[in-house]
Amino acid sequence: MSIECLNFCIKQKCETPTTKLVLFILSNYADEKHSCYPSEAKLAELVGVSDRQIRRCLQWLEKHDFIRIEPRAGTSNRYYVRVSRGKSNGVDITVQRGGHELPIQGGHGSPNILKKDTKANTKEELYSKEFEFFWKIYPRKIGKYGAAKVYKTASKKHTHKLIYKSVEIFAKNNKMTEERFIPHCTTWLNQKRFLDVAVEKKKNTLNHLAG
């Protein structure tokens, strides 16, 4: 338990009471580094809602800089409570955008983010840490920008964990395949081939259990 995280949580205003409760649970689980790694299923059990609603809450909290999500392959994500995200006493504060800390002038009213390079920031935000993790695994690295746009769309309907597991299996199965025979990443994502990999894995598992 982190008292600092709990104190931070109490002072925050969230989109819904459910989102505030998710932040409170993360704060309660947080260690001395303000991090914890409960599964989405565990959070859903504690809050009493569906996994999908938990994902919506986590996405909102990350989007508004209350938490930072660190994806981890094969296990639950790690969550960092951003207790240093800003101050409420009218002094300058900072928020994280595109991997950089950007200043916000004043602690009252609507934040006034000082924009240095809007185009560059937009591109950096498109290359999210979730996409970069996926891109590192995908076996054919052509058309990164287009792949990032398609990944962003796909991840709105399907979990990062599903896509990660599928691309890991796909990369493993195509380890000895010539690169020219591997589909472009945008094609793989657009055609939702990650669902084919997930279905095939489930089918093989059931066949194995059936003997």
C-alpha atoms as a PDB file:
ATOM      1  CA  MET A   1       0.000   0.000   0.000  1.00  0.00           C
ATOM      2  CA  SER A   2       1.230   3.506  -0.859  1.00  0.00           C
ATOM      3  CA  ILE A   3      -0.096   6.275   1.391  1.00  0.00           C
ATOM      4  CA  GLU A   4       1.190   8.820  -1.112  1.00  0.00           C
ATOM      5  CA  CYS A   5      -0.835   7.213  -3.902  1.00  0.00           C
ATOM      6  CA  LEU A   6      -3.966   7.023  -1.749  1.00  0.00           C
ATOM      7  CA  ASN A   7      -3.643  10.693  -0.775  1.00  0.00           C
ATOM      8  CA  PHE A   8      -3.232  11.540  -4.461  1.00  0.00           C
ATOM      9  CA  CYS A   9      -6.281   9.462  -5.414  1.00  0.00           C
ATOM     10  CA  ILE A  10      -8.567  11.051  -2.829  1.00  0.00           C
ATOM     11  CA  LYS A  11      -7.973  14.525  -4.302  1.00  0.00           C
ATOM     12  CA  GLN A  12      -8.691  13.583  -7.914  1.00  0.00           C
ATOM     13  CA  LYS A  13     -11.885  13.998  -9.916  1.00  0.00           C
ATOM     14  CA  CYS A  14     -12.599  11.211 -12.383  1.00  0.00           C
ATOM     15  CA  GLU A  15     -15.083  10.661 -15.178  1.00  0.00           C
ATOM     16  CA  THR A  16     -17.279   8.270 -13.167  1.00  0.00           C
ATOM     17  CA  PRO A  17     -17.361   6.788  -9.660  1.00  0.00           C
ATOM     18  CA  THR A  18     -16.300   3.469 -11.206  1.00  0.00           C
ATOM     19  CA  THR A  19     -13.200   5.060 -12.719  1.00  0.00           C
ATOM     20  CA  LYS A  20     -12.378   6.667  -9.380  1.00  0.00           C
ATOM     21  CA  LEU A  21     -12.743   3.272  -7.677  1.00  0.00           C
ATOM     22  CA  VAL A  22     -10.339   1.683 -10.192  1.00  0.00           C
ATOM     23  CA  LEU A  23      -7.806   4.421  -9.452  1.00  0.00           C
ATOM     24  CA  PHE A  24      -8.311   3.855  -5.718  1.00  0.00           C
ATOM     25  CA  ILE A  25      -7.672   0.106  -6.043  1.00  0.00           C
ATOM     26  CA  LEU A  26      -4.520   0.712  -8.084  1.00  0.00           C
ATOM     27  CA  SER A  27      -3.360   3.205  -5.452  1.00  0.00           C
ATOM     28  CA  ASN A  28      -4.106   0.720  -2.679  1.00  0.00           C
ATOM     29  CA  TYR A  29      -2.065  -1.992  -4.416  1.00  0.00           C
ATOM     30  CA  ALA A  30       0.795   0.359  -5.338  1.00  0.00           C
ATOM     31  CA  ASP A  31       4.305  -0.284  -4.005  1.00  0.00           C
ATOM     32  CA  GLU A  32       7.049   2.197  -3.118  1.00  0.00           C
ATOM     33  CA  LYS A  33       7.535   2.885  -6.846  1.00  0.00           C
ATOM     34  CA  HIS A  34       3.830   3.743  -7.150  1.00  0.00           C
ATOM     35  CA  SER A  35       3.304   0.666  -9.337  1.00  0.00           C
ATOM     36  CA  CYS A  36       1.203  -2.495  -9.213  1.00  0.00           C
ATOM     37  CA  TYR A  37       0.125  -5.241 -11.598  1.00  0.00           C
ATOM     38  CA  PRO A  38      -3.351  -6.655 -10.841  1.00  0.00           C
ATOM     39  CA  SER A  39      -5.014  -8.388 -13.793  1.00  0.00           C
ATOM     40  CA  GLU A  40      -8.029  -6.856 -15.513  1.00  0.00           C
ATOM     41  CA  ALA A  41     -10.040  -9.844 -14.305  1.00  0.00           C
ATOM     42  CA  LYS A  42      -9.021  -9.152 -10.698  1.00  0.00           C
ATOM     43  CA  LEU A  43      -9.922  -5.465 -11.032  1.00  0.00           C
ATOM     44  CA  ALA A  44     -13.287  -6.433 -12.532  1.00  0.00           C
ATOM     45  CA  GLU A  45     -13.917  -8.784  -9.603  1.00  0.00           C
ATOM     46  CA  LEU A  46     -13.046  -6.122  -7.012  1.00  0.00           C
ATOM     47  CA  VAL A  47     -15.051  -3.343  -8.682  1.00  0.00           C
ATOM     48  CA  GLY A  48     -17.966  -5.584  -9.654  1.00  0.00           C
ATOM     49  CA  VAL A  49     -18.078  -4.728 -13.364  1.00  0.00           C
ATOM     50  CA  SER A  50     -17.085  -6.394 -16.639  1.00  0.00           C
ATOM     51  CA  ASP A  51     -13.535  -6.661 -17.981  1.00  0.00           C
ATOM     52  CA  ARG A  52     -14.550  -4.387 -20.854  1.00  0.00           C
ATOM     53  CA  GLN A  53     -15.665  -1.651 -18.472  1.00  0.00           C
ATOM     54  CA  ILE A  54     -12.383  -1.989 -16.568  1.00  0.00           C
ATOM     55  CA  ARG A  55     -10.471  -1.476 -19.834  1.00  0.00           C
ATOM     56  CA  ARG A  56     -12.499   1.667 -20.550  1.00  0.00           C
ATOM     57  CA  CYS A  57     -11.684   3.018 -17.086  1.00  0.00           C
ATOM     58  CA  LEU A  58      -7.978   2.243 -17.485  1.00  0.00           C
ATOM     59  CA  GLN A  59      -7.887   3.872 -20.917  1.00  0.00           C
ATOM     60  CA  TRP A  60      -9.530   7.011 -19.518  1.00  0.00           C
ATOM     61  CA  LEU A  61      -7.121   7.140 -16.578  1.00  0.00           C
ATOM     62  CA  GLU A  62      -4.127   6.766 -18.882  1.00  0.00           C
ATOM     63  CA  LYS A  63      -5.442   9.298 -21.398  1.00  0.00           C
ATOM     64  CA  HIS A  64      -5.845  11.882 -18.621  1.00  0.00           C
ATOM     65  CA  ASP A  65      -2.415  11.105 -17.105  1.00  0.00           C
ATOM     66  CA  PHE A  66      -3.617   9.603 -13.837  1.00  0.00           C
ATOM     67  CA  ILE A  67      -1.727   6.382 -14.603  1.00  0.00           C
ATOM     68  CA  ARG A  68       0.894   5.026 -16.973  1.00  0.00           C
ATOM     69  CA  ILE A  69       0.375   1.514 -18.361  1.00  0.00           C
ATOM     70  CA  GLU A  70       3.362  -0.694 -19.100  1.00  0.00           C
ATOM     71  CA  PRO A  71       2.388  -3.718 -21.250  1.00  0.00           C
ATOM     72  CA  ARG A  72       3.976  -7.054 -20.309  1.00  0.00           C
ATOM     73  CA  ALA A  73       3.794 -10.063 -22.612  1.00  0.00           C
ATOM     74  CA  GLY A  74       2.151 -13.174 -21.221  1.00  0.00           C
ATOM     75  CA  THR A  75       1.050 -11.594 -17.966  1.00  0.00           C
ATOM     76  CA  SER A  76      -0.902  -8.646 -16.561  1.00  0.00           C
ATOM     77  CA  ASN A  77       0.096  -5.065 -17.335  1.00  0.00           C
ATOM     78  CA  ARG A  78       1.994  -2.957 -14.834  1.00  0.00           C
ATOM     79  CA  TYR A  79       0.315   0.269 -13.734  1.00  0.00           C
ATOM     80  CA  TYR A  80       2.120   3.350 -12.427  1.00  0.00           C
ATOM     81  CA  VAL A  81       0.075   5.907 -10.484  1.00  0.00           C
ATOM     82  CA  ARG A  82       1.266   9.353 -11.591  1.00  0.00           C
ATOM     83  CA  VAL A  83       1.313  11.081  -8.218  1.00  0.00           C
ATOM     84  CA  SER A  84       3.601  13.782  -9.640  1.00  0.00           C
ATOM     85  CA  ARG A  85       1.312  14.597 -12.592  1.00  0.00           C
ATOM     86  CA  GLY A  86       0.749  18.133 -11.305  1.00  0.00           C
ATOM     87  CA  LYS A  87      -0.116  20.499  -8.495  1.00  0.00           C
ATOM     88  CA  SER A  88      -3.401  22.158  -7.642  1.00  0.00           C
ATOM     89  CA  ASN A  89      -2.104  25.346  -6.060  1.00  0.00           C
ATOM     90  CA  GLY A  90      -1.858  27.487  -9.173  1.00  0.00           C
ATOM     91  CA  VAL A  91       1.822  26.872  -9.978  1.00  0.00           C
ATOM     92  CA  ASP A  92       3.048  25.439 -13.254  1.00  0.00           C
ATOM     93  CA  ILE A  93       2.536  21.718 -13.682  1.00  0.00           C
ATOM     94  CA  THR A  94       3.433  19.184 -16.363  1.00  0.00           C
ATOM     95  CA  VAL A  95       1.694  16.380 -18.186  1.00  0.00           C
ATOM     96  CA  GLN A  96       3.138  13.626 -20.351  1.00  0.00           C
ATOM     97  CA  ARG A  97       2.445  13.748 -24.077  1.00  0.00           C
ATOM     98  CA  GLY A  98       4.197  11.594 -26.647  1.00  0.00           C
ATOM     99  CA  GLY A  99       6.869  10.511 -24.197  1.00  0.00           C
ATOM    100  CA  HIS A 100       7.736  14.075 -23.134  1.00  0.00           C
ATOM    101  CA  GLU A 101       6.845  16.207 -20.132  1.00  0.00           C
ATOM    102  CA  LEU A 102       5.063  19.330 -21.404  1.00  0.00           C
ATOM    103  CA  PRO A 103       4.406  22.384 -19.213  1.00  0.00           C
ATOM    104  CA  ILE A 104       0.914  23.551 -18.325  1.00  0.00           C
ATOM    105  CA  GLN A 105       0.617  27.152 -17.211  1.00  0.00           C
ATOM    106  CA  GLY A 106      -1.321  27.584 -13.993  1.00  0.00           C
ATOM    107  CA  GLY A 107      -3.148  25.007 -11.926  1.00  0.00           C
ATOM    108  CA  HIS A 108      -6.686  26.382 -12.283  1.00  0.00           C
ATOM    109  CA  GLY A 109      -9.130  26.234 -15.141  1.00  0.00           C
ATOM    110  CA  SER A 110      -8.491  24.521 -18.448  1.00  0.00           C
ATOM    111  CA  PRO A 111      -4.897  23.414 -18.988  1.00  0.00           C
ATOM    112  CA  ASN A 112      -2.916  25.497 -21.470  1.00  0.00           C
ATOM    113  CA  ILE A 113      -0.398  23.113 -22.959  1.00  0.00           C
ATOM    114  CA  LEU A 114       2.535  24.843 -24.616  1.00  0.00           C
ATOM    115  CA  LYS A 115       2.792  23.266 -28.051  1.00  0.00           C
ATOM    116  CA  LYS A 116       6.272  23.037 -29.536  1.00  0.00           C
ATOM    117  CA  ASP A 117       5.573  20.853 -32.571  1.00  0.00           C
ATOM    118  CA  THR A 118       1.993  19.676 -32.931  1.00  0.00           C
ATOM    119  CA  LYS A 119       2.700  17.527 -35.976  1.00  0.00           C
ATOM    120  CA  ALA A 120       5.636  15.794 -34.318  1.00  0.00           C
ATOM    121  CA  ASN A 121       3.668  15.271 -31.107  1.00  0.00           C
ATOM    122  CA  THR A 122       0.770  13.705 -33.042  1.00  0.00           C
ATOM    123  CA  LYS A 123       3.124  11.274 -34.734  1.00  0.00           C
ATOM    124  CA  GLU A 124       4.784  10.388 -31.438  1.00  0.00           C
ATOM    125  CA  GLU A 125       1.406   9.776 -29.795  1.00  0.00           C
ATOM    126  CA  LEU A 126       0.446   7.473 -32.676  1.00  0.00           C
ATOM    127  CA  TYR A 127       3.527   5.387 -31.879  1.00  0.00           C
ATOM    128  CA  SER A 128       2.177   4.387 -28.480  1.00  0.00           C
ATOM    129  CA  LYS A 129       4.144   2.104 -26.190  1.00  0.00           C
ATOM    130  CA  GLU A 130       1.591  -0.641 -26.889  1.00  0.00           C
ATOM    131  CA  PHE A 131       2.179  -0.346 -30.637  1.00  0.00           C
ATOM    132  CA  GLU A 132       5.975  -0.176 -30.211  1.00  0.00           C
ATOM    133  CA  PHE A 133       5.811  -3.412 -28.198  1.00  0.00           C
ATOM    134  CA  PHE A 134       3.758  -5.023 -30.983  1.00  0.00           C
ATOM    135  CA  TRP A 135       5.997  -3.638 -33.743  1.00  0.00           C
ATOM    136  CA  LYS A 136       9.087  -5.071 -32.079  1.00  0.00           C
ATOM    137  CA  ILE A 137       7.571  -8.577 -32.328  1.00  0.00           C
ATOM    138  CA  TYR A 138       6.067  -8.444 -35.836  1.00  0.00           C
ATOM    139  CA  PRO A 139       8.453 -10.269 -38.218  1.00  0.00           C
ATOM    140  CA  ARG A 140       8.235  -7.918 -41.241  1.00  0.00           C
ATOM    141  CA  LYS A 141       8.874  -4.252 -40.507  1.00  0.00           C
ATOM    142  CA  ILE A 142       7.547  -2.308 -43.494  1.00  0.00           C
ATOM    143  CA  GLY A 143       5.152   0.653 -43.344  1.00  0.00           C
ATOM    144  CA  LYS A 144       5.389   1.517 -39.650  1.00  0.00           C
ATOM    145  CA  TYR A 145       3.264   4.665 -39.834  1.00  0.00           C
ATOM    146  CA  GLY A 146       0.371   2.920 -41.607  1.00  0.00           C
ATOM    147  CA  ALA A 147       0.654  -0.044 -39.257  1.00  0.00           C
ATOM    148  CA  ALA A 148       0.444   2.260 -36.240  1.00  0.00           C
ATOM    149  CA  LYS A 149      -2.787   3.829 -37.531  1.00  0.00           C
ATOM    150  CA  VAL A 150      -4.383   0.430 -38.162  1.00  0.00           C
ATOM    151  CA  TYR A 151      -3.173  -0.893 -34.788  1.00  0.00           C
ATOM    152  CA  LYS A 152      -4.800   2.063 -33.034  1.00  0.00           C
ATOM    153  CA  THR A 153      -8.123   1.222 -34.686  1.00  0.00           C
ATOM    154  CA  ALA A 154      -7.820  -2.510 -33.988  1.00  0.00           C
ATOM    155  CA  SER A 155      -6.962  -1.966 -30.320  1.00  0.00           C
ATOM    156  CA  LYS A 156     -10.229  -0.091 -29.772  1.00  0.00           C
ATOM    157  CA  LYS A 157     -12.194  -3.308 -30.389  1.00  0.00           C
ATOM    158  CA  HIS A 158      -9.685  -5.949 -29.290  1.00  0.00           C
ATOM    159  CA  THR A 159      -7.400  -6.132 -26.277  1.00  0.00           C
ATOM    160  CA  HIS A 160      -3.673  -5.489 -26.505  1.00  0.00           C
ATOM    161  CA  LYS A 161      -3.108  -8.842 -24.809  1.00  0.00           C
ATOM    162  CA  LEU A 162      -4.988 -10.715 -27.552  1.00  0.00           C
ATOM    163  CA  ILE A 163      -2.990  -8.991 -30.283  1.00  0.00           C
ATOM    164  CA  TYR A 164       0.310  -9.529 -28.422  1.00  0.00           C
ATOM    165  CA  LYS A 165      -0.281 -13.250 -27.928  1.00  0.00           C
ATOM    166  CA  SER A 166      -1.358 -13.700 -31.541  1.00  0.00           C
ATOM    167  CA  VAL A 167       1.608 -11.839 -33.027  1.00  0.00           C
ATOM    168  CA  GLU A 168       4.005 -13.817 -30.816  1.00  0.00           C
ATOM    169  CA  ILE A 169       2.553 -17.078 -32.166  1.00  0.00           C
ATOM    170  CA  PHE A 170       2.574 -15.720 -35.726  1.00  0.00           C
ATOM    171  CA  ALA A 171       6.221 -14.616 -35.449  1.00  0.00           C
ATOM    172  CA  LYS A 172       7.230 -17.973 -33.996  1.00  0.00           C
ATOM    173  CA  ASN A 173       5.425 -19.913 -36.737  1.00  0.00           C
ATOM    174  CA  ASN A 174       7.076 -17.797 -39.433  1.00  0.00           C
ATOM    175  CA  LYS A 175      10.565 -17.735 -37.980  1.00  0.00           C
ATOM    176  CA  MET A 176      11.977 -19.658 -40.976  1.00  0.00           C
ATOM    177  CA  THR A 177       9.714 -18.016 -43.587  1.00  0.00           C
ATOM    178  CA  GLU A 178      11.297 -15.707 -46.154  1.00  0.00           C
ATOM    179  CA  GLU A 179      10.330 -12.124 -45.365  1.00  0.00           C
ATOM    180  CA  ARG A 180       8.806 -11.552 -48.828  1.00  0.00           C
ATOM    181  CA  PHE A 181       6.206 -14.232 -48.089  1.00  0.00           C
ATOM    182  CA  ILE A 182       5.153 -12.608 -44.801  1.00  0.00           C
ATOM    183  CA  PRO A 183       2.234 -10.132 -45.183  1.00  0.00           C
ATOM    184  CA  HIS A 184       2.772  -6.479 -44.476  1.00  0.00           C
ATOM    185  CA  CYS A 185       1.822  -5.531 -40.954  1.00  0.00           C
ATOM    186  CA  THR A 186      -1.065  -3.314 -42.142  1.00  0.00           C
ATOM    187  CA  THR A 187      -2.488  -6.269 -44.107  1.00  0.00           C
ATOM    188  CA  TRP A 188      -2.190  -8.590 -41.100  1.00  0.00           C
ATOM    189  CA  LEU A 189      -4.005  -6.096 -38.897  1.00  0.00           C
ATOM    190  CA  ASN A 190      -6.608  -4.955 -41.452  1.00  0.00           C
ATOM    191  CA  GLN A 191      -7.626  -8.528 -42.179  1.00  0.00           C
ATOM    192  CA  LYS A 192      -7.760  -9.268 -38.437  1.00  0.00           C
ATOM    193  CA  ARG A 193      -5.446 -12.245 -38.849  1.00  0.00           C
ATOM    194  CA  PHE A 194      -4.643 -11.992 -35.149  1.00  0.00           C
ATOM    195  CA  LEU A 195      -8.108 -13.473 -34.576  1.00  0.00           C
ATOM    196  CA  ASP A 196      -7.250 -16.428 -36.831  1.00  0.00           C
ATOM    197  CA  VAL A 197      -4.129 -17.118 -34.782  1.00  0.00           C
ATOM    198  CA  ALA A 198      -6.094 -16.935 -31.516  1.00  0.00           C
ATOM    199  CA  VAL A 199      -8.810 -19.290 -32.857  1.00  0.00           C
ATOM    200  CA  GLU A 200      -6.222 -21.752 -34.174  1.00  0.00           C
ATOM    201  CA  LYS A 201      -4.447 -21.793 -30.808  1.00  0.00           C
ATOM    202  CA  LYS A 202      -7.739 -22.486 -28.999  1.00  0.00           C
ATOM    203  CA  LYS A 203      -8.587 -25.252 -31.481  1.00  0.00           C
ATOM    204  CA  ASN A 204      -5.209 -26.932 -31.029  1.00  0.00           C
ATOM    205  CA  THR A 205      -5.583 -26.730 -27.261  1.00  0.00           C
ATOM    206  CA  LEU A 206      -9.009 -28.388 -27.367  1.00  0.00           C
ATOM    207  CA  ASN A 207      -7.711 -31.113 -29.692  1.00  0.00           C
ATOM    208  CA  HIS A 208      -4.841 -31.779 -27.324  1.00  0.00           C
ATOM    209  CA  LEU A 209      -7.199 -32.068 -24.356  1.00  0.00           C
ATOM    210  CA  ALA A 210      -9.465 -34.384 -26.308  1.00  0.00           C
ATOM    211  CA  GLY A 211      -6.516 -36.719 -26.840  1.00  0.00           C
END
